[in-house]
């Protein structure tokens, strides 16, 4: 063993000791915040009332003639074209139009666009930079552009993650030192800040930080040697400095007080976290109503909005998985499809009713090409809708959407007492305006006739 390798081996050993110590110090600092008790029956009973309070506001339109006088009896069309709440799903490049595509491809695309306003584009390092300095950003930009053209908001996942399978092979081969790894972090962030990141609304800057030490590669080592909180804080600040309009997210599958404690430490250290990302994969069992509500209430104490970034709910039997490889013949079935529909409706209604939740993103919108081969989509492999799709379509596009034709009163006014938050198109005859309606800034607009 040469001198350089001896030094690296010693550094790794010292880092392991430091990591062990830091983990135990961190664990000792974890304090479960006091949360209000949850009465599940009452919580479920009052969901619709909370949704009205949290997601709607009065919307008013006045129609006047060329002289500014109110016009009564005028038909005004009000159409909510997009929700403010993020109803999202992970993006699959198979959704992009191709010269040769099947009816199944078309069904997937049509149903995807019918339901979602938000989508996650994957920017894993291993696939983004297959060779050192050779970037595969064009495909990501193509996906983001298509989403924008369809009226969807695009998010990215993730910039930094130390899962062995997504660390670039050339990084694993070179086995860089901590200082060299910092230089690679800098180069990745710099390159992406000139290409992909400016096109995104938000991005998971770090993924699965709480148990970062479970892998022993170069990305793990740099955090162990230089400290999780200071290093993560630095790169969140750098991401913000290089991309002032991009919203930064820290994302994790950990959903208890450990995650809360780490986020609190990061915020106290000055980390610019705009959104807290909470994974919700439920391959091994569904979360209870109490668990959902406690997760939201706990994270709300940090004064940051919460986004459910990765949701998976089975429509087939539970199966043993190693979380790495696809499980063969893991199929959807009618009994579990019905259970999935009931649970997803309840989850979405609870999330939508919580004032600090800003969205829910399904990890796989369809069973085709799903993670682990699991039946977690709203669509079957052939693109046909499951009951869960129909249920969410009814909520998102009917029950929670404001649209219709209204007649102005004697004062020339149309008043909608409880219009859902979102983007609106409002018109009377040829006159049209577009506006964003929010509880803190409700629409109060005037349409002036020209005839």
Protein backbone atom coordinates (compact mmCIF):
# COMPACT_ATOMS: atom_id res chain seq x y z
CA UNK A 1 0.00 0.00 0.00
CA UNK A 2 1.53 3.36 -1.05
CA UNK A 3 1.71 6.40 1.19
CA UNK A 4 -1.34 8.13 -0.34
CA UNK A 5 -3.56 5.11 0.19
CA UNK A 6 -2.30 4.73 3.77
CA UNK A 7 -3.28 8.31 4.46
CA UNK A 8 -6.72 7.77 2.93
CA UNK A 9 -7.25 4.61 4.96
CA UNK A 10 -6.34 6.47 8.14
CA UNK A 11 -8.66 9.32 7.19
CA UNK A 12 -11.51 6.86 6.60
CA UNK A 13 -10.93 5.27 10.00
CA UNK A 14 -10.89 8.63 11.73
CA UNK A 15 -14.00 9.68 9.82
CA UNK A 16 -15.80 6.55 10.97
CA UNK A 17 -14.95 7.37 14.58
CA UNK A 18 -16.08 10.96 14.09
CA UNK A 19 -19.26 9.78 12.40
CA UNK A 20 -20.06 7.39 15.25
CA UNK A 21 -19.57 10.20 17.73
CA UNK A 22 -21.58 12.72 15.73
CA UNK A 23 -24.48 10.32 15.28
CA UNK A 24 -24.67 9.72 19.00
CA UNK A 25 -24.40 13.42 19.79
CA UNK A 26 -27.16 14.08 17.25
CA UNK A 27 -29.32 11.31 18.74
CA UNK A 28 -28.85 12.72 22.21
CA UNK A 29 -30.05 16.11 20.98
CA UNK A 30 -33.32 14.77 19.57
CA UNK A 31 -36.33 16.00 21.49
CA UNK A 32 -39.85 15.09 20.39
CA UNK A 33 -41.83 18.34 20.11
CA UNK A 34 -45.14 18.43 21.91
CA UNK A 35 -47.97 17.79 19.46
CA UNK A 36 -51.69 18.28 20.07
CA UNK A 37 -53.70 15.07 20.54
CA UNK A 38 -55.43 13.67 17.47
CA UNK A 39 -59.08 12.73 17.54
CA UNK A 40 -59.31 10.74 14.30
CA UNK A 41 -63.11 10.66 14.09
CA UNK A 42 -63.35 14.42 14.60
CA UNK A 43 -60.47 15.08 12.19
CA UNK A 44 -62.10 13.09 9.40
CA UNK A 45 -65.54 14.53 10.11
CA UNK A 46 -64.32 18.13 9.79
CA UNK A 47 -62.16 17.65 6.69
CA UNK A 48 -64.51 19.44 4.28
CA UNK A 49 -64.84 22.41 6.63
CA UNK A 50 -61.05 22.69 6.93
CA UNK A 51 -60.70 22.54 3.15
CA UNK A 52 -63.14 25.41 2.78
CA UNK A 53 -61.17 27.43 5.33
CA UNK A 54 -57.73 26.54 3.97
CA UNK A 55 -58.22 26.46 0.20
CA UNK A 56 -61.00 28.88 -0.75
CA UNK A 57 -61.68 32.61 -0.65
CA UNK A 58 -64.41 34.93 -2.00
CA UNK A 59 -63.92 35.86 -5.66
CA UNK A 60 -65.57 38.96 -7.12
CA UNK A 61 -65.92 40.26 -10.67
CA UNK A 62 -67.57 43.53 -11.67
CA UNK A 63 -68.69 44.28 -15.22
CA UNK A 64 -68.94 47.92 -16.32
CA UNK A 65 -69.76 49.63 -19.61
CA UNK A 66 -67.52 52.02 -21.55
CA UNK A 67 -68.53 54.80 -19.15
CA UNK A 68 -67.72 52.78 -16.06
CA UNK A 69 -71.33 52.12 -15.09
CA UNK A 70 -72.27 48.67 -13.72
CA UNK A 71 -73.89 46.27 -16.18
CA UNK A 72 -76.50 43.94 -14.71
CA UNK A 73 -77.71 40.68 -16.25
CA UNK A 74 -74.41 40.03 -17.99
CA UNK A 75 -73.08 36.46 -18.31
CA UNK A 76 -69.61 36.00 -16.88
CA UNK A 77 -67.66 32.80 -17.38
CA UNK A 78 -65.30 31.85 -14.54
CA UNK A 79 -62.91 28.96 -15.10
CA UNK A 80 -60.22 27.71 -12.74
CA UNK A 81 -57.53 26.42 -15.08
CA UNK A 82 -54.94 25.30 -12.51
CA UNK A 83 -54.80 24.59 -8.78
CA UNK A 84 -52.35 26.33 -6.46
CA UNK A 85 -51.97 23.06 -4.54
CA UNK A 86 -49.54 20.69 -6.22
CA UNK A 87 -51.16 17.49 -7.46
CA UNK A 88 -48.10 15.77 -8.83
CA UNK A 89 -46.41 12.62 -10.08
CA UNK A 90 -42.97 11.48 -11.06
CA UNK A 91 -42.15 12.08 -14.73
CA UNK A 92 -41.57 9.18 -17.10
CA UNK A 93 -39.79 9.96 -20.39
CA UNK A 94 -42.14 7.46 -22.07
CA UNK A 95 -44.75 10.23 -21.84
CA UNK A 96 -42.90 12.29 -24.45
CA UNK A 97 -44.51 12.08 -27.90
CA UNK A 98 -42.72 9.81 -30.38
CA UNK A 99 -43.12 8.99 -34.06
CA UNK A 100 -43.94 5.38 -33.22
CA UNK A 101 -46.25 4.98 -30.25
CA UNK A 102 -49.09 2.73 -29.22
CA UNK A 103 -52.61 3.36 -27.99
CA UNK A 104 -51.27 2.44 -24.53
CA UNK A 105 -48.74 5.28 -24.78
CA UNK A 106 -51.50 7.71 -25.71
CA UNK A 107 -53.71 6.58 -22.82
CA UNK A 108 -50.87 7.11 -20.36
CA UNK A 109 -50.22 10.61 -21.66
CA UNK A 110 -53.88 11.62 -21.80
CA UNK A 111 -54.60 10.45 -18.26
CA UNK A 112 -51.38 11.94 -16.88
CA UNK A 113 -52.28 15.35 -18.29
CA UNK A 114 -55.87 15.06 -17.08
CA UNK A 115 -54.92 14.80 -13.43
CA UNK A 116 -51.59 16.44 -12.64
CA UNK A 117 -50.27 20.01 -12.52
CA UNK A 118 -46.78 19.22 -11.16
CA UNK A 119 -44.11 16.62 -11.95
CA UNK A 120 -40.71 15.43 -10.73
CA UNK A 121 -37.88 15.17 -13.27
CA UNK A 122 -35.04 12.86 -12.24
CA UNK A 123 -31.56 14.38 -12.26
CA UNK A 124 -29.61 11.58 -10.54
CA UNK A 125 -25.89 12.20 -10.77
CA UNK A 126 -25.04 8.74 -12.10
CA UNK A 127 -27.22 9.14 -15.17
CA UNK A 128 -26.63 12.86 -15.59
CA UNK A 129 -22.83 12.65 -15.78
CA UNK A 130 -22.01 9.19 -17.14
CA UNK A 131 -18.41 10.24 -17.74
CA UNK A 132 -16.53 12.93 -15.89
CA UNK A 133 -17.37 16.26 -17.54
CA UNK A 134 -19.83 14.80 -20.06
CA UNK A 135 -23.33 15.93 -19.11
CA UNK A 136 -26.64 14.41 -20.16
CA UNK A 137 -28.65 17.56 -19.60
CA UNK A 138 -30.39 17.71 -22.98
CA UNK A 139 -32.86 14.92 -22.14
CA UNK A 140 -33.77 16.56 -18.83
CA UNK A 141 -34.27 19.91 -20.54
CA UNK A 142 -36.47 18.23 -23.16
CA UNK A 143 -38.66 16.72 -20.44
CA UNK A 144 -38.90 20.01 -18.53
CA UNK A 145 -39.77 21.95 -21.70
CA UNK A 146 -42.55 19.47 -22.55
CA UNK A 147 -44.00 19.75 -19.06
CA UNK A 148 -43.99 23.54 -19.29
CA UNK A 149 -45.69 23.39 -22.69
CA UNK A 150 -48.46 21.28 -21.14
CA UNK A 151 -48.93 23.79 -18.33
CA UNK A 152 -47.27 21.72 -15.58
CA UNK A 153 -44.77 22.91 -12.99
CA UNK A 154 -41.49 20.95 -12.96
CA UNK A 155 -39.39 20.02 -9.93
CA UNK A 156 -36.03 18.19 -9.76
CA UNK A 157 -34.84 15.19 -7.75
CA UNK A 158 -32.04 15.27 -6.47
CA UNK A 159 -28.77 17.18 -6.78
CA UNK A 160 -26.90 15.29 -4.04
CA UNK A 161 -27.64 11.76 -2.86
CA UNK A 162 -25.21 9.07 -1.73
CA UNK A 163 -27.14 5.92 -2.67
CA UNK A 164 -24.49 3.57 -4.08
CA UNK A 165 -26.48 2.82 -7.21
CA UNK A 166 -26.75 6.45 -8.33
CA UNK A 167 -23.20 7.61 -7.46
CA UNK A 168 -21.41 7.86 -10.82
CA UNK A 169 -19.21 4.86 -11.59
CA UNK A 170 -16.27 7.10 -12.32
CA UNK A 171 -16.60 8.66 -8.83
CA UNK A 172 -16.61 5.21 -7.22
CA UNK A 173 -13.62 4.21 -9.34
CA UNK A 174 -11.57 7.31 -8.54
CA UNK A 175 -12.50 7.20 -4.83
CA UNK A 176 -11.82 10.93 -4.35
CA UNK A 177 -10.74 12.46 -1.07
CA UNK A 178 -13.08 14.72 0.87
CA UNK A 179 -11.50 17.82 -0.60
CA UNK A 180 -11.67 16.40 -4.12
CA UNK A 181 -15.30 15.47 -3.48
CA UNK A 182 -16.05 19.08 -2.55
CA UNK A 183 -14.61 20.17 -5.88
CA UNK A 184 -16.85 17.67 -7.67
CA UNK A 185 -19.87 18.96 -5.72
CA UNK A 186 -18.95 22.51 -6.77
CA UNK A 187 -18.58 21.53 -10.43
CA UNK A 188 -21.92 19.68 -10.49
CA UNK A 189 -23.80 22.55 -8.90
CA UNK A 190 -22.13 25.12 -11.15
CA UNK A 191 -22.90 23.20 -14.35
CA UNK A 192 -26.51 22.54 -13.41
CA UNK A 193 -27.01 26.17 -12.45
CA UNK A 194 -26.32 27.11 -16.07
CA UNK A 195 -28.57 24.47 -17.60
CA UNK A 196 -31.27 22.51 -15.77
CA UNK A 197 -31.84 24.26 -12.44
CA UNK A 198 -33.05 27.63 -13.85
CA UNK A 199 -35.88 25.75 -15.57
CA UNK A 200 -37.18 24.16 -12.36
CA UNK A 201 -39.56 25.51 -9.74
CA UNK A 202 -37.92 23.60 -6.86
CA UNK A 203 -35.33 20.88 -6.35
CA UNK A 204 -34.32 18.33 -3.73
CA UNK A 205 -30.83 19.65 -3.00
CA UNK A 206 -30.12 16.78 -0.58
CA UNK A 207 -31.97 13.49 -0.37
CA UNK A 208 -32.24 11.17 2.63
CA UNK A 209 -29.80 12.97 4.91
CA UNK A 210 -30.89 11.54 8.24
CA UNK A 211 -29.36 8.13 7.55
CA UNK A 212 -26.71 9.35 5.11
CA UNK A 213 -24.06 7.29 6.91
CA UNK A 214 -25.65 3.97 5.90
CA UNK A 215 -23.52 4.04 2.73
CA UNK A 216 -19.72 4.12 2.84
CA UNK A 217 -18.77 5.81 -0.42
CA UNK A 218 -17.01 9.09 -1.19
CA UNK A 219 -20.18 11.16 -0.76
CA UNK A 220 -20.67 9.67 2.69
CA UNK A 221 -17.06 10.29 3.62
CA UNK A 222 -17.07 14.01 2.81
CA UNK A 223 -20.10 14.53 5.08
CA UNK A 224 -18.53 12.45 7.85
CA UNK A 225 -15.23 14.33 7.70
CA UNK A 226 -16.59 17.86 7.31
CA UNK A 227 -19.85 17.63 9.27
CA UNK A 228 -23.39 17.08 8.04
CA UNK A 229 -24.88 20.38 9.18
CA UNK A 230 -22.09 22.73 8.02
CA UNK A 231 -21.58 20.99 4.67
CA UNK A 232 -25.28 20.75 3.84
CA UNK A 233 -25.85 24.34 4.94
CA UNK A 234 -23.04 25.50 2.65
CA UNK A 235 -24.45 23.77 -0.42
CA UNK A 236 -27.98 24.93 0.24
CA UNK A 237 -26.61 28.47 0.42
CA UNK A 238 -24.62 27.94 -2.78
CA UNK A 239 -27.66 26.56 -4.58
CA UNK A 240 -29.60 29.64 -3.57
CA UNK A 241 -26.77 32.01 -4.50
CA UNK A 242 -26.48 30.53 -7.98
CA UNK A 243 -30.26 30.16 -8.50
CA UNK A 244 -32.09 32.96 -6.75
CA UNK A 245 -35.54 31.98 -8.06
CA UNK A 246 -35.20 28.27 -7.35
CA UNK A 247 -36.90 26.88 -4.23
CA UNK A 248 -34.64 24.59 -2.19
CA UNK A 249 -35.87 21.33 -0.68
CA UNK A 250 -34.42 18.84 1.80
CA UNK A 251 -36.13 15.48 1.33
CA UNK A 252 -36.24 12.31 3.46
CA UNK A 253 -38.09 9.07 4.09
CA UNK A 254 -37.51 9.47 7.84
CA UNK A 255 -40.77 10.86 9.24
CA UNK A 256 -40.25 11.12 13.00
CA UNK A 257 -38.53 13.45 15.47
CA UNK A 258 -35.08 12.56 14.07
CA UNK A 259 -35.86 14.31 10.79
CA UNK A 260 -37.40 17.25 12.63
CA UNK A 261 -34.25 17.60 14.77
CA UNK A 262 -31.91 17.61 11.76
CA UNK A 263 -34.01 20.17 9.91
CA UNK A 264 -34.08 22.34 13.03
CA UNK A 265 -30.28 22.20 13.27
CA UNK A 266 -29.94 23.13 9.60
CA UNK A 267 -32.31 26.07 9.89
CA UNK A 268 -30.57 27.32 13.02
CA UNK A 269 -27.26 27.12 11.13
CA UNK A 270 -28.68 29.40 8.43
CA UNK A 271 -29.57 26.81 5.79
CA UNK A 272 -32.05 28.32 3.28
CA UNK A 273 -34.66 25.54 3.20
CA UNK A 274 -37.73 26.77 1.32
CA UNK A 275 -39.73 23.54 1.39
CA UNK A 276 -39.59 20.44 3.59
CA UNK A 277 -39.85 17.29 1.49
CA UNK A 278 -41.51 14.28 3.11
CA UNK A 279 -41.46 10.89 1.40
CA UNK A 280 -44.45 8.61 1.97
CA UNK A 281 -43.74 5.23 0.42
CA UNK A 282 -46.13 2.70 1.93
CA UNK A 283 -45.07 -0.61 0.40
CA UNK A 284 -44.98 -2.22 3.85
CA UNK A 285 -48.13 -0.69 5.31
CA UNK A 286 -50.37 2.37 5.20
CA UNK A 287 -49.94 5.31 7.55
CA UNK A 288 -52.70 5.93 10.06
CA UNK A 289 -54.68 9.17 10.19
CA UNK A 290 -52.87 10.05 13.42
CA UNK A 291 -49.47 9.45 11.83
CA UNK A 292 -50.25 11.62 8.81
CA UNK A 293 -51.52 14.48 10.97
CA UNK A 294 -48.64 14.26 13.45
CA UNK A 295 -46.06 14.35 10.64
CA UNK A 296 -47.64 17.48 9.20
CA UNK A 297 -48.02 19.17 12.59
CA UNK A 298 -44.46 18.32 13.66
CA UNK A 299 -42.88 19.71 10.49
CA UNK A 300 -45.14 22.76 10.60
CA UNK A 301 -43.38 23.82 13.81
CA UNK A 302 -40.33 24.60 11.64
CA UNK A 303 -42.28 27.33 9.80
CA UNK A 304 -41.70 25.87 6.36
CA UNK A 305 -44.31 24.45 3.97
CA UNK A 306 -44.46 20.66 3.64
CA UNK A 307 -44.55 18.77 0.35
CA UNK A 308 -45.22 15.03 0.16
CA UNK A 309 -42.61 14.33 -2.49
CA UNK A 310 -42.77 10.57 -3.05
CA UNK A 311 -46.00 8.73 -2.35
CA UNK A 312 -46.61 5.03 -3.02
CA UNK A 313 -49.74 3.10 -2.01
CA UNK A 314 -50.20 -0.48 -3.20
CA UNK A 315 -53.14 -1.75 -5.24
CA UNK A 316 -51.85 -5.29 -4.89
CA UNK A 317 -50.67 -7.58 -2.10
CA UNK A 318 -47.74 -6.63 0.12
CA UNK A 319 -44.53 -8.38 -0.96
CA UNK A 320 -41.07 -8.69 0.54
CA UNK A 321 -38.54 -6.38 -1.14
CA UNK A 322 -34.89 -5.46 -0.75
CA UNK A 323 -35.68 -1.89 -1.95
CA UNK A 324 -33.18 -2.31 -4.79
CA UNK A 325 -34.51 -4.85 -7.30
CA UNK A 326 -37.84 -5.34 -9.02
CA UNK A 327 -40.15 -7.97 -7.56
CA UNK A 328 -41.45 -10.26 -10.34
CA UNK A 329 -45.17 -10.66 -10.99
CA UNK A 330 -46.22 -8.03 -8.48
CA UNK A 331 -49.65 -7.35 -9.90
CA UNK A 332 -52.62 -5.17 -9.14
CA UNK A 333 -55.94 -6.82 -8.25
CA UNK A 334 -59.57 -5.61 -7.84
CA UNK A 335 -59.76 -6.04 -4.07
CA UNK A 336 -56.61 -4.05 -3.39
CA UNK A 337 -57.47 -1.48 -6.05
CA UNK A 338 -60.61 -0.66 -4.07
CA UNK A 339 -58.57 -0.33 -0.87
CA UNK A 340 -56.03 1.90 -2.63
CA UNK A 341 -58.82 4.18 -3.85
CA UNK A 342 -60.31 4.55 -0.38
CA UNK A 343 -56.95 5.27 1.22
CA UNK A 344 -55.72 7.73 -1.41
CA UNK A 345 -58.93 9.73 -1.22
CA UNK A 346 -58.59 9.95 2.56
CA UNK A 347 -54.90 10.90 2.36
CA UNK A 348 -55.43 13.59 -0.27
CA UNK A 349 -58.38 15.04 1.61
CA UNK A 350 -56.35 15.23 4.83
CA UNK A 351 -53.33 16.75 3.10
CA UNK A 352 -55.46 19.28 1.21
CA UNK A 353 -57.17 20.29 4.46
CA UNK A 354 -53.90 21.03 6.29
CA UNK A 355 -52.93 24.67 5.94
CA UNK A 356 -49.18 23.97 5.79
CA UNK A 357 -49.23 21.21 3.17
CA UNK A 358 -48.58 22.48 -0.36
CA UNK A 359 -48.84 19.29 -2.39
CA UNK A 360 -48.75 15.53 -2.84
CA UNK A 361 -46.55 13.87 -5.47
CA UNK A 362 -47.13 10.25 -6.44
CA UNK A 363 -43.81 8.54 -7.12
CA UNK A 364 -45.32 6.46 -9.94
CA UNK A 365 -48.48 7.60 -11.67
CA UNK A 366 -48.78 4.18 -13.40
CA UNK A 367 -47.75 0.56 -12.91
CA UNK A 368 -45.81 0.65 -16.17
CA UNK A 369 -42.08 1.08 -15.33
CA UNK A 370 -42.85 1.55 -11.62
CA UNK A 371 -40.17 1.43 -8.95
CA UNK A 372 -39.62 -2.14 -7.70
CA UNK A 373 -42.26 -3.29 -10.19
CA UNK A 374 -44.84 -2.47 -7.52
CA UNK A 375 -48.52 -1.89 -8.38
CA UNK A 376 -48.73 1.62 -6.94
CA UNK A 377 -49.94 3.67 -9.90
CA UNK A 378 -53.33 5.20 -10.57
CA UNK A 379 -53.15 3.57 -14.00
CA UNK A 380 -52.62 -0.07 -14.87
CA UNK A 381 -49.80 -1.08 -17.18
CA UNK A 382 -52.07 -0.66 -20.20
CA UNK A 383 -52.90 2.91 -19.17
CA UNK A 384 -56.44 2.16 -18.07
CA UNK A 385 -57.59 4.01 -14.93
CA UNK A 386 -57.89 2.23 -11.59
CA UNK A 387 -60.65 3.26 -9.16
CA UNK A 388 -58.08 5.52 -7.43
CA UNK A 389 -57.68 7.56 -10.63
CA UNK A 390 -61.43 8.02 -10.94
CA UNK A 391 -61.69 8.99 -7.28
CA UNK A 392 -58.91 11.62 -7.44
CA UNK A 393 -60.18 12.91 -10.78
CA UNK A 394 -63.55 13.58 -9.15
CA UNK A 395 -61.89 15.45 -6.26
CA UNK A 396 -59.34 17.47 -8.24
CA UNK A 397 -61.33 18.26 -11.38
CA UNK A 398 -64.86 18.46 -10.01
CA UNK A 399 -65.30 18.83 -6.26
CA UNK A 400 -62.27 21.08 -5.70
CA UNK A 401 -62.46 23.12 -8.91
CA UNK A 402 -64.42 26.35 -9.42
CA UNK A 403 -65.98 26.94 -12.82
CA UNK A 404 -69.26 28.01 -14.32
CA UNK A 405 -71.33 30.79 -15.86
CA UNK A 406 -72.70 33.49 -13.58
CA UNK A 407 -75.05 36.47 -14.09
CA UNK A 408 -74.12 39.91 -12.77
CA UNK A 409 -76.47 41.39 -10.19
CA UNK A 410 -77.96 44.90 -10.20
CA UNK A 411 -74.57 46.31 -9.19
CA UNK A 412 -72.82 44.56 -12.06
CA UNK A 413 -71.20 42.08 -9.68
CA UNK A 414 -70.59 38.34 -9.66
CA UNK A 415 -69.69 37.07 -6.22
CA UNK A 416 -68.45 33.52 -5.60
CA UNK A 417 -68.25 33.03 -1.82
CA UNK A 418 -65.79 30.12 -1.82
CA UNK A 419 -63.62 29.85 -4.95
CA UNK A 420 -60.70 27.44 -4.78
CA UNK A 421 -57.18 28.83 -4.93
CA UNK A 422 -55.52 28.73 -8.33
CA UNK A 423 -55.15 30.32 -11.73
CA UNK A 424 -58.32 31.62 -13.38
CA UNK A 425 -59.60 32.68 -16.77
CA UNK A 426 -62.53 35.10 -16.45
CA UNK A 427 -64.47 36.42 -19.43
CA UNK A 428 -67.62 38.08 -20.67
CA UNK A 429 -68.10 38.18 -24.42
CA UNK A 430 -64.74 39.03 -25.99
CA UNK A 431 -63.37 40.57 -22.79
CA UNK A 432 -61.08 38.23 -20.85
CA UNK A 433 -58.61 38.43 -18.01
CA UNK A 434 -56.31 35.95 -16.28
CA UNK A 435 -55.69 36.11 -12.55
CA UNK A 436 -54.30 34.14 -9.63
CA UNK A 437 -56.69 33.66 -6.75
CA UNK A 438 -55.36 33.07 -3.23
CA UNK A 439 -56.72 33.38 0.27
CA UNK A 440 -54.25 36.15 1.06
CA UNK A 441 -54.85 37.87 -2.28
CA UNK A 442 -58.34 37.03 -3.58
CA UNK A 443 -59.44 38.09 -7.05
CA UNK A 444 -61.46 41.30 -7.17
CA UNK A 445 -61.48 42.28 -10.82
CA UNK A 446 -63.30 44.58 -13.20
CA UNK A 447 -64.17 43.75 -16.79
CA UNK A 448 -64.84 46.84 -18.90
CA UNK A 449 -66.98 46.36 -22.00
CA UNK A 450 -65.95 48.00 -25.23
CA UNK A 451 -69.27 47.95 -27.15
